[in-house]
Protein backbone atom coordinates (compact mmCIF):
# COMPACT_ATOMS: atom_id res chain seq x y z
CA MET A 1 -6.60 -23.01 -0.02
CA ASP A 2 -2.61 -22.76 0.02
CA LYS A 3 -2.92 -19.24 -1.73
CA GLU A 4 -5.32 -17.82 0.75
CA LYS A 5 -3.49 -19.49 3.91
CA ASN A 6 -0.15 -17.62 2.61
CA LEU A 7 -1.90 -14.71 2.18
CA ILE A 8 -3.40 -15.06 5.64
CA ASP A 9 -0.34 -15.22 7.11
CA PHE A 10 1.38 -12.25 5.43
CA ILE A 11 -1.47 -9.68 6.02
CA ILE A 12 -2.16 -11.02 9.51
CA ASN A 13 0.70 -8.41 10.60
CA LEU A 14 0.13 -5.73 8.18
CA PRO A 15 -1.47 -2.27 9.83
CA LEU A 16 -4.10 -1.83 7.21
CA PHE A 17 -5.53 -5.15 8.84
CA VAL A 18 -4.35 -4.58 12.42
CA PHE A 19 -8.09 -4.56 13.82
CA LEU A 20 -9.19 -7.52 11.81
CA GLU A 21 -9.74 -11.19 13.70
CA ARG A 22 -8.33 -14.21 11.78
CA ASP A 23 -11.58 -15.17 10.27
CA ASP A 24 -12.05 -11.59 8.76
CA LEU A 25 -8.80 -11.84 7.28
CA SER A 26 -9.82 -14.76 5.10
CA GLN A 27 -12.51 -12.42 3.67
CA VAL A 28 -10.08 -10.15 2.71
CA ALA A 29 -7.52 -12.94 1.21
CA ALA A 30 -10.29 -14.51 -0.77
CA ARG A 31 -10.52 -11.54 -2.65
CA MET A 32 -6.45 -10.82 -2.99
CA ASP A 33 -3.91 -12.07 -5.13
CA PHE A 34 0.07 -12.38 -5.15
CA VAL A 35 1.50 -10.37 -8.02
CA GLU A 36 5.52 -10.95 -9.37
CA LEU A 37 7.28 -8.12 -10.62
CA ASP A 38 11.14 -8.47 -12.03
CA PRO A 39 13.70 -6.01 -11.58
CA GLY A 40 13.18 -2.89 -13.59
CA ASP A 41 9.11 -3.65 -14.19
CA THR A 42 7.14 -0.60 -13.26
CA LEU A 43 4.20 -1.50 -10.81
CA PHE A 44 2.61 1.95 -11.82
CA LYS A 45 3.23 5.46 -13.31
CA GLU A 46 2.62 8.98 -11.81
CA TRP A 47 -0.83 10.12 -12.86
CA ASP A 48 -2.05 6.38 -13.50
CA LYS A 49 -5.41 5.64 -12.18
CA ALA A 50 -5.19 4.39 -8.60
CA ASP A 51 -7.55 1.69 -7.99
CA PHE A 52 -5.67 -1.12 -5.70
CA VAL A 53 -3.15 -0.89 -2.91
CA CYS A 54 0.14 -3.33 -2.72
CA PHE A 55 2.03 -4.83 0.21
CA ILE A 56 5.49 -5.96 -0.40
CA GLU A 57 5.89 -9.93 0.57
CA SER A 58 9.37 -10.03 -0.55
CA GLY A 59 11.93 -7.65 -2.36
CA GLU A 60 12.38 -3.86 -2.86
CA LEU A 61 10.75 -1.44 -4.82
CA ASP A 62 11.66 2.06 -5.79
CA VAL A 63 9.67 5.21 -4.87
CA THR A 64 10.24 7.45 -7.78
CA LYS A 65 9.23 11.34 -8.76
CA LYS A 66 9.63 12.65 -12.01
CA THR A 67 12.37 15.70 -11.74
CA GLY A 68 12.28 16.32 -15.83
CA PRO A 69 11.60 15.11 -19.36
CA ASP A 70 13.68 12.21 -18.84
CA SER A 71 14.97 12.40 -15.19
CA PHE A 72 13.80 11.43 -11.64
CA ASP A 73 14.70 11.22 -8.17
CA VAL A 74 14.30 8.26 -6.15
CA ARG A 75 12.36 9.10 -3.02
CA ALA A 76 12.21 5.89 -0.92
CA THR A 77 13.13 2.46 -1.14
CA LEU A 78 10.14 -0.19 0.24
CA ARG A 79 10.78 -3.46 1.57
CA ARG A 80 8.57 -6.39 3.25
CA GLY A 81 5.51 -5.39 5.06
CA ARG A 82 5.70 -1.99 3.77
CA SER A 83 2.31 -0.92 1.54
CA ILE A 84 1.99 1.66 -1.36
CA GLY A 85 -1.21 3.25 -2.56
CA GLU A 86 -3.20 2.93 0.46
CA MET A 87 -5.51 5.69 -0.35
CA SER A 88 -6.55 4.19 -3.73
CA ILE A 89 -9.06 1.93 -2.19
CA ILE A 90 -11.12 4.91 -0.94
CA ASN A 91 -10.45 7.65 -3.48
CA ASN A 92 -9.95 8.13 -7.35
CA PHE A 93 -6.90 10.36 -6.98
CA PRO A 94 -4.13 9.73 -9.52
CA ARG A 95 -0.68 8.11 -8.36
CA SER A 96 1.72 10.50 -6.93
CA SER A 97 4.61 8.72 -8.07
CA THR A 98 6.17 5.72 -10.12
CA VAL A 99 7.11 2.84 -8.21
CA ILE A 100 9.53 0.37 -9.97
CA ALA A 101 11.04 -3.28 -8.88
CA ARG A 102 14.23 -2.74 -7.69
CA SER A 103 14.65 -6.46 -7.18
CA LYS A 104 12.37 -9.50 -7.69
CA VAL A 105 9.25 -8.54 -5.92
CA ARG A 106 6.32 -10.31 -4.99
CA LEU A 107 3.01 -8.25 -3.89
CA ALA A 108 -0.36 -8.88 -2.70
CA VAL A 109 -3.05 -6.67 -4.12
CA PHE A 110 -5.99 -5.69 -2.80
CA GLU A 111 -8.40 -3.84 -5.54
CA ARG A 112 -10.62 -0.89 -4.47
CA ALA A 113 -13.50 -3.41 -6.21
CA ALA A 114 -12.56 -5.71 -3.90
CA PHE A 115 -12.90 -3.23 -0.64
CA GLU A 116 -16.09 -1.83 -1.97
CA GLU A 117 -17.60 -5.28 -2.20
CA ILE A 118 -16.66 -6.24 1.44
CA MET A 119 -18.36 -2.40 2.37
CA GLU A 120 -21.32 -3.51 0.86
CA LYS A 121 -21.72 -7.12 2.19
CA GLN A 122 -19.82 -7.28 5.16
CA VAL A 123 -19.71 -3.65 6.50
CA ASP A 124 -17.93 -4.57 9.91
CA ILE A 125 -14.72 -5.81 8.09
CA GLY A 126 -15.03 -2.74 5.88
CA VAL A 127 -15.37 -0.57 9.22
CA ASN A 128 -12.22 -2.23 10.78
CA ILE A 129 -10.18 -1.80 7.47
CA LEU A 130 -10.79 1.85 7.49
CA LYS A 131 -9.73 2.19 11.08
CA GLY A 132 -6.66 0.72 9.77
CA LEU A 133 -6.28 2.94 7.15
CA ALA A 134 -6.99 5.85 9.82
CA ASN A 135 -4.22 4.47 12.14
CA LEU A 136 -1.60 4.10 9.29
CA LEU A 137 -2.21 7.67 8.02
CA SER A 138 -2.18 9.14 11.06
CA VAL A 139 1.44 7.39 11.69
CA ASN A 140 2.47 8.44 8.09
CA LEU A 141 1.19 12.13 8.86
CA LYS A 142 3.03 12.42 12.19
CA LYS A 143 6.41 10.89 10.54
CA ALA A 144 6.02 13.93 7.74
CA SER A 145 5.17 16.31 10.28
CA SER A 146 8.12 15.34 12.15
CA ARG A 147 10.53 15.69 9.10
CA LEU A 148 9.08 18.94 8.40
CA ALA A 149 9.89 20.37 11.75
CA ASP A 150 13.21 18.85 11.91
CA ASN A 151 13.91 21.05 8.47
CA MET A 152 12.08 23.99 9.83
CA LEU A 153 14.24 27.04 10.19
CA PRO A 154 13.93 28.12 14.20
CA MET A 155 11.92 31.13 14.47
CA GLY A 156 13.12 34.79 15.85
């Protein structure tokens, strides 16, 4: 029960679960686990099968992109409260980046199979997770559009 309470206390403030009540969160937390990584450990590699989303409870993850046979760029460093791989709970697209632990990291992991089970058995909870996902993707798209607009040359 301690693990579940710790998970609920952590995920209650995450954007993906913003539309869930505390009782609904316990249904989600019961299907999640914490995973720990050491510095330099790879969470997943670019082109890996994507079947889980992670939420950073502590530590830092580097999101990297391959730039050559033996080289890569760090595109972002993610910290507490950030998620990675949100789309993997609804599609089978491969991972678009490699994610490596920059420090000791503790992650809450939510697998696609767990989400699918919720969608089958507790549709209202699943729909509210989808609302959270749509909201999160909308915010991310708005940020990306803003960055793109900032980098475009003026017309005329």
